[in-house]
Amino acid sequence: DPSNQPTGCPDINLSICGFMLRGGAHGSSILRRLRQKELMSNELQSLVQLAINSGRFQNATVKGDMVRCLAKDASAEAWYVIDKTDGHWSVALETADRWLSESIEGDMLEGRDTAEELVDDELVNLDFPNRCPQVKHYRDDAKVYVFRSRVPLEGIADETAGVATYLLAFEAAFAQLGDMQESAAE
């Protein structure tokens, strides 16, 4: 009965996998979430393609709500991870290998450069307009060593391109450290 509908909330009928969803505001909310999920999936697929096309990673895949790019020449398994939490994109380097993590830290200490300075240098080379915010280094609950930074997208119209550029700068900065290149480990 249309008289039972709240004003300004059209009745929405949506069929998904054979299930019919009906409802004014509630149906609209479900539809909005489905659209957001589809947009996120498209962004992640675009990021995978940009990572693969760069030739800087062994492979790149979508896993859940993140992109995982396998480091090409590291002495141990290491992943560059892109995710979006609470509306903010982040890029991280993750490895379960303690020695690889320590070799990266050691090179930064020896060179007296911070991770932020190293990423900034690469961002300048890529004409990225923003600077690297804090790179957090920690060991997570799964005992994985993580170097993580939020992607500064202020003033950037194409978020996907901005995230991809930041990923390449992050990779270029960390690829030259420690045992991220097998030849450096030998």
C-alpha atoms as a PDB file:
ATOM      1  CA  ASP A   1       0.000   0.000   0.000  1.00  0.00           C
ATOM      2  CA  PRO A   2       1.678   3.241  -1.149  1.00  0.00           C
ATOM      3  CA  SER A   3       0.123   5.184   1.707  1.00  0.00           C
ATOM      4  CA  ASN A   4       2.244   3.136   4.143  1.00  0.00           C
ATOM      5  CA  GLN A   5       5.493   4.209   2.442  1.00  0.00           C
ATOM      6  CA  PRO A   6       7.494   7.009   4.109  1.00  0.00           C
ATOM      7  CA  THR A   7       7.496  10.152   2.006  1.00  0.00           C
ATOM      8  CA  GLY A   8      10.605  10.606  -0.138  1.00  0.00           C
ATOM      9  CA  CYS A   9      11.477   6.879   0.026  1.00  0.00           C
ATOM     10  CA  PRO A  10      10.490   5.137  -3.179  1.00  0.00           C
ATOM     11  CA  ASP A  11       9.680   1.447  -3.066  1.00  0.00           C
ATOM     12  CA  ILE A  12      12.650  -0.528  -4.404  1.00  0.00           C
ATOM     13  CA  ASN A  13      12.396  -4.040  -5.765  1.00  0.00           C
ATOM     14  CA  LEU A  14      15.724  -5.710  -6.455  1.00  0.00           C
ATOM     15  CA  SER A  15      16.341  -9.291  -7.492  1.00  0.00           C
ATOM     16  CA  ILE A  16      19.736 -10.728  -6.537  1.00  0.00           C
ATOM     17  CA  CYS A  17      20.597 -14.377  -7.165  1.00  0.00           C
ATOM     18  CA  GLY A  18      16.895 -15.215  -7.302  1.00  0.00           C
ATOM     19  CA  PHE A  19      16.074 -13.411  -4.048  1.00  0.00           C
ATOM     20  CA  MET A  20      13.689 -10.476  -4.206  1.00  0.00           C
ATOM     21  CA  LEU A  21      14.568  -7.552  -1.958  1.00  0.00           C
ATOM     22  CA  ARG A  22      11.796  -5.076  -1.315  1.00  0.00           C
ATOM     23  CA  GLY A  23      11.588  -1.981   0.766  1.00  0.00           C
ATOM     24  CA  GLY A  24      11.816   1.747   0.744  1.00  0.00           C
ATOM     25  CA  ALA A  25      14.690   3.094   2.805  1.00  0.00           C
ATOM     26  CA  HIS A  26      15.983  -0.397   3.723  1.00  0.00           C
ATOM     27  CA  GLY A  27      16.095  -1.505   0.084  1.00  0.00           C
ATOM     28  CA  SER A  28      17.852   1.722  -0.812  1.00  0.00           C
ATOM     29  CA  SER A  29      20.478   1.063   1.873  1.00  0.00           C
ATOM     30  CA  ILE A  30      21.122  -2.447   0.564  1.00  0.00           C
ATOM     31  CA  LEU A  31      21.404  -1.165  -2.995  1.00  0.00           C
ATOM     32  CA  ARG A  32      23.863   1.556  -1.900  1.00  0.00           C
ATOM     33  CA  ARG A  33      26.064  -1.040  -0.152  1.00  0.00           C
ATOM     34  CA  LEU A  34      26.007  -3.287  -3.226  1.00  0.00           C
ATOM     35  CA  ARG A  35      27.064  -0.361  -5.429  1.00  0.00           C
ATOM     36  CA  GLN A  36      29.883   0.537  -3.008  1.00  0.00           C
ATOM     37  CA  LYS A  37      31.089  -3.071  -3.033  1.00  0.00           C
ATOM     38  CA  GLU A  38      31.011  -3.128  -6.842  1.00  0.00           C
ATOM     39  CA  LEU A  39      32.942   0.167  -7.051  1.00  0.00           C
ATOM     40  CA  MET A  40      35.515  -1.159  -4.568  1.00  0.00           C
ATOM     41  CA  SER A  41      35.887  -4.368  -6.576  1.00  0.00           C
ATOM     42  CA  ASN A  42      36.444  -2.332  -9.763  1.00  0.00           C
ATOM     43  CA  GLU A  43      39.052  -0.163  -8.006  1.00  0.00           C
ATOM     44  CA  LEU A  44      40.889  -3.225  -6.703  1.00  0.00           C
ATOM     45  CA  GLN A  45      40.885  -4.874 -10.147  1.00  0.00           C
ATOM     46  CA  SER A  46      42.240  -1.651 -11.684  1.00  0.00           C
ATOM     47  CA  LEU A  47      45.014  -1.558  -9.062  1.00  0.00           C
ATOM     48  CA  VAL A  48      45.930  -5.184  -9.820  1.00  0.00           C
ATOM     49  CA  GLN A  49      46.165  -4.385 -13.530  1.00  0.00           C
ATOM     50  CA  LEU A  50      48.283  -1.274 -12.914  1.00  0.00           C
ATOM     51  CA  ALA A  51      50.620  -3.259 -10.615  1.00  0.00           C
ATOM     52  CA  ILE A  52      51.014  -6.062 -13.167  1.00  0.00           C
ATOM     53  CA  ASN A  53      51.589  -3.591 -16.004  1.00  0.00           C
ATOM     54  CA  SER A  54      54.363  -1.888 -14.026  1.00  0.00           C
ATOM     55  CA  GLY A  55      56.469  -5.068 -14.221  1.00  0.00           C
ATOM     56  CA  ARG A  56      57.714  -4.426 -10.666  1.00  0.00           C
ATOM     57  CA  PHE A  57      55.956  -7.341  -8.973  1.00  0.00           C
ATOM     58  CA  GLN A  58      56.096 -11.103  -9.410  1.00  0.00           C
ATOM     59  CA  ASN A  59      52.284 -11.156  -9.388  1.00  0.00           C
ATOM     60  CA  ALA A  60      49.310  -9.199  -8.085  1.00  0.00           C
ATOM     61  CA  THR A  61      45.888 -10.424  -6.993  1.00  0.00           C
ATOM     62  CA  VAL A  62      42.768  -9.336  -5.181  1.00  0.00           C
ATOM     63  CA  LYS A  63      42.303 -11.143  -1.886  1.00  0.00           C
ATOM     64  CA  GLY A  64      39.122 -10.142  -0.081  1.00  0.00           C
ATOM     65  CA  ASP A  65      39.099  -6.360   0.213  1.00  0.00           C
ATOM     66  CA  MET A  66      42.783  -5.865  -0.584  1.00  0.00           C
ATOM     67  CA  VAL A  67      45.342  -6.103  -3.359  1.00  0.00           C
ATOM     68  CA  ARG A  68      48.418  -8.230  -2.702  1.00  0.00           C
ATOM     69  CA  CYS A  69      51.522  -7.782  -4.878  1.00  0.00           C
ATOM     70  CA  LEU A  70      54.360 -10.273  -4.436  1.00  0.00           C
ATOM     71  CA  ALA A  71      57.777  -8.609  -4.205  1.00  0.00           C
ATOM     72  CA  LYS A  72      59.772  -9.586  -7.254  1.00  0.00           C
ATOM     73  CA  ASP A  73      63.338 -10.121  -6.002  1.00  0.00           C
ATOM     74  CA  ALA A  74      63.180 -10.370  -2.210  1.00  0.00           C
ATOM     75  CA  SER A  75      65.262 -13.032  -0.450  1.00  0.00           C
ATOM     76  CA  ALA A  76      62.110 -14.190   1.386  1.00  0.00           C
ATOM     77  CA  GLU A  77      58.405 -13.903   0.701  1.00  0.00           C
ATOM     78  CA  ALA A  78      57.256 -10.295   0.987  1.00  0.00           C
ATOM     79  CA  TRP A  79      54.008  -8.677  -0.100  1.00  0.00           C
ATOM     80  CA  TYR A  80      53.013  -5.132  -0.910  1.00  0.00           C
ATOM     81  CA  VAL A  81      49.424  -4.786   0.278  1.00  0.00           C
ATOM     82  CA  ILE A  82      46.864  -2.132  -0.645  1.00  0.00           C
ATOM     83  CA  ASP A  83      43.674  -1.800   1.357  1.00  0.00           C
ATOM     84  CA  LYS A  84      41.012   0.732   2.205  1.00  0.00           C
ATOM     85  CA  THR A  85      39.849   1.059   5.802  1.00  0.00           C
ATOM     86  CA  ASP A  86      37.432   3.670   7.096  1.00  0.00           C
ATOM     87  CA  GLY A  87      37.557   5.463   3.752  1.00  0.00           C
ATOM     88  CA  HIS A  88      41.373   5.761   3.671  1.00  0.00           C
ATOM     89  CA  TRP A  89      43.761   3.866   1.417  1.00  0.00           C
ATOM     90  CA  SER A  90      46.945   2.373   2.873  1.00  0.00           C
ATOM     91  CA  VAL A  91      49.984   0.644   1.393  1.00  0.00           C
ATOM     92  CA  ALA A  92      52.103  -1.803   3.357  1.00  0.00           C
ATOM     93  CA  LEU A  93      55.078  -4.091   2.952  1.00  0.00           C
ATOM     94  CA  GLU A  94      54.508  -7.343   4.846  1.00  0.00           C
ATOM     95  CA  THR A  95      56.797 -10.285   5.504  1.00  0.00           C
ATOM     96  CA  ALA A  96      56.768 -13.137   7.982  1.00  0.00           C
ATOM     97  CA  ASP A  97      60.564 -13.313   7.706  1.00  0.00           C
ATOM     98  CA  ARG A  98      62.235 -11.670  10.701  1.00  0.00           C
ATOM     99  CA  TRP A  99      65.632 -11.478   8.986  1.00  0.00           C
ATOM    100  CA  LEU A 100      64.215  -9.689   5.967  1.00  0.00           C
ATOM    101  CA  SER A 101      62.496  -7.145   8.209  1.00  0.00           C
ATOM    102  CA  GLU A 102      65.683  -6.621  10.226  1.00  0.00           C
ATOM    103  CA  SER A 103      67.777  -6.215   7.072  1.00  0.00           C
ATOM    104  CA  ILE A 104      65.441  -3.408   5.930  1.00  0.00           C
ATOM    105  CA  GLU A 105      65.612  -1.720   9.335  1.00  0.00           C
ATOM    106  CA  GLY A 106      69.401  -2.090   9.400  1.00  0.00           C
ATOM    107  CA  ASP A 107      69.839  -0.371   6.041  1.00  0.00           C
ATOM    108  CA  MET A 108      67.680   2.543   7.170  1.00  0.00           C
ATOM    109  CA  LEU A 109      69.659   2.908  10.397  1.00  0.00           C
ATOM    110  CA  GLU A 110      72.982   2.635   8.582  1.00  0.00           C
ATOM    111  CA  GLY A 111      71.954   5.196   5.955  1.00  0.00           C
ATOM    112  CA  ARG A 112      70.288   7.403   8.571  1.00  0.00           C
ATOM    113  CA  ASP A 113      67.255   7.816   6.318  1.00  0.00           C
ATOM    114  CA  THR A 114      63.734   7.318   7.575  1.00  0.00           C
ATOM    115  CA  ALA A 115      61.221   5.278   5.615  1.00  0.00           C
ATOM    116  CA  GLU A 116      59.269   8.508   5.075  1.00  0.00           C
ATOM    117  CA  GLU A 117      62.312  10.237   3.523  1.00  0.00           C
ATOM    118  CA  LEU A 118      62.983   7.292   1.228  1.00  0.00           C
ATOM    119  CA  VAL A 119      59.359   7.140   0.048  1.00  0.00           C
ATOM    120  CA  ASP A 120      59.302  10.945  -0.351  1.00  0.00           C
ATOM    121  CA  ASP A 121      62.318  10.782  -2.666  1.00  0.00           C
ATOM    122  CA  GLU A 122      60.458   8.311  -4.878  1.00  0.00           C
ATOM    123  CA  LEU A 123      57.247  10.369  -4.759  1.00  0.00           C
ATOM    124  CA  VAL A 124      59.167  13.417  -5.998  1.00  0.00           C
ATOM    125  CA  ASN A 125      60.592  11.318  -8.862  1.00  0.00           C
ATOM    126  CA  LEU A 126      57.025  10.344  -9.819  1.00  0.00           C
ATOM    127  CA  ASP A 127      55.721  13.945  -9.589  1.00  0.00           C
ATOM    128  CA  PHE A 128      53.320  12.951  -6.801  1.00  0.00           C
ATOM    129  CA  PRO A 129      52.086  16.185  -5.182  1.00  0.00           C
ATOM    130  CA  ASN A 130      51.898  14.987  -1.551  1.00  0.00           C
ATOM    131  CA  ARG A 131      54.506  13.780   0.929  1.00  0.00           C
ATOM    132  CA  CYS A 132      54.695  10.473   2.739  1.00  0.00           C
ATOM    133  CA  PRO A 133      52.959  10.434   6.115  1.00  0.00           C
ATOM    134  CA  GLN A 134      54.317   8.302   8.948  1.00  0.00           C
ATOM    135  CA  VAL A 135      55.367   4.769   8.041  1.00  0.00           C
ATOM    136  CA  LYS A 136      54.443   2.569  10.964  1.00  0.00           C
ATOM    137  CA  HIS A 137      56.622  -0.477  11.594  1.00  0.00           C
ATOM    138  CA  TYR A 138      55.263  -3.247  13.781  1.00  0.00           C
ATOM    139  CA  ARG A 139      54.643  -6.959  14.138  1.00  0.00           C
ATOM    140  CA  ASP A 140      50.953  -7.800  13.856  1.00  0.00           C
ATOM    141  CA  ASP A 141      48.902 -10.442  15.653  1.00  0.00           C
ATOM    142  CA  ALA A 142      49.664 -12.984  12.919  1.00  0.00           C
ATOM    143  CA  LYS A 143      53.408 -12.430  13.616  1.00  0.00           C
ATOM    144  CA  VAL A 144      53.929 -10.652  10.306  1.00  0.00           C
ATOM    145  CA  TYR A 145      56.354  -7.713  10.141  1.00  0.00           C
ATOM    146  CA  VAL A 146      54.636  -4.691   8.628  1.00  0.00           C
ATOM    147  CA  PHE A 147      55.768  -1.329   7.239  1.00  0.00           C
ATOM    148  CA  ARG A 148      52.501   0.576   6.685  1.00  0.00           C
ATOM    149  CA  SER A 149      51.559   4.058   5.521  1.00  0.00           C
ATOM    150  CA  ARG A 150      48.322   5.826   4.716  1.00  0.00           C
ATOM    151  CA  VAL A 151      48.182   7.102   1.122  1.00  0.00           C
ATOM    152  CA  PRO A 152      47.942  10.934   1.099  1.00  0.00           C
ATOM    153  CA  LEU A 153      45.307  11.631  -1.554  1.00  0.00           C
ATOM    154  CA  GLU A 154      44.408  15.240  -0.684  1.00  0.00           C
ATOM    155  CA  GLY A 155      43.850  17.200  -3.889  1.00  0.00           C
ATOM    156  CA  ILE A 156      44.160  14.135  -6.166  1.00  0.00           C
ATOM    157  CA  ALA A 157      41.179  13.693  -8.489  1.00  0.00           C
ATOM    158  CA  ASP A 158      41.833  10.097  -9.603  1.00  0.00           C
ATOM    159  CA  GLU A 159      42.176   8.081  -6.385  1.00  0.00           C
ATOM    160  CA  THR A 160      43.020   4.825  -8.140  1.00  0.00           C
ATOM    161  CA  ALA A 161      45.879   6.403 -10.096  1.00  0.00           C
ATOM    162  CA  GLY A 162      47.068   8.133  -6.909  1.00  0.00           C
ATOM    163  CA  VAL A 163      47.102   4.864  -4.956  1.00  0.00           C
ATOM    164  CA  ALA A 164      48.926   3.082  -7.801  1.00  0.00           C
ATOM    165  CA  THR A 165      51.562   5.839  -7.953  1.00  0.00           C
ATOM    166  CA  TYR A 166      52.040   5.679  -4.187  1.00  0.00           C
ATOM    167  CA  LEU A 167      52.418   1.881  -4.389  1.00  0.00           C
ATOM    168  CA  LEU A 168      55.171   2.248  -6.999  1.00  0.00           C
ATOM    169  CA  ALA A 169      56.985   4.846  -4.860  1.00  0.00           C
ATOM    170  CA  PHE A 170      56.682   2.618  -1.786  1.00  0.00           C
ATOM    171  CA  GLU A 171      58.016  -0.365  -3.731  1.00  0.00           C
ATOM    172  CA  ALA A 172      60.902   1.654  -5.204  1.00  0.00           C
ATOM    173  CA  ALA A 173      61.902   2.880  -1.736  1.00  0.00           C
ATOM    174  CA  PHE A 174      61.798  -0.525  -0.041  1.00  0.00           C
ATOM    175  CA  ALA A 175      63.137  -2.588  -2.964  1.00  0.00           C
ATOM    176  CA  GLN A 176      66.584  -1.033  -2.476  1.00  0.00           C
ATOM    177  CA  LEU A 177      66.773  -1.895   1.237  1.00  0.00           C
ATOM    178  CA  GLY A 178      68.214  -4.898   3.025  1.00  0.00           C
ATOM    179  CA  ASP A 179      67.574  -8.251   1.412  1.00  0.00           C
ATOM    180  CA  MET A 180      64.706  -7.049  -0.788  1.00  0.00           C
ATOM    181  CA  GLN A 181      66.961  -7.907  -3.714  1.00  0.00           C
ATOM    182  CA  GLU A 182      68.260 -11.473  -3.693  1.00  0.00           C
ATOM    183  CA  SER A 183      71.646 -10.361  -4.963  1.00  0.00           C
ATOM    184  CA  ALA A 184      71.993  -8.161  -1.843  1.00  0.00           C
ATOM    185  CA  ALA A 185      71.401 -11.186   0.388  1.00  0.00           C
ATOM    186  CA  GLU A 186      74.253 -13.191  -1.126  1.00  0.00           C
END
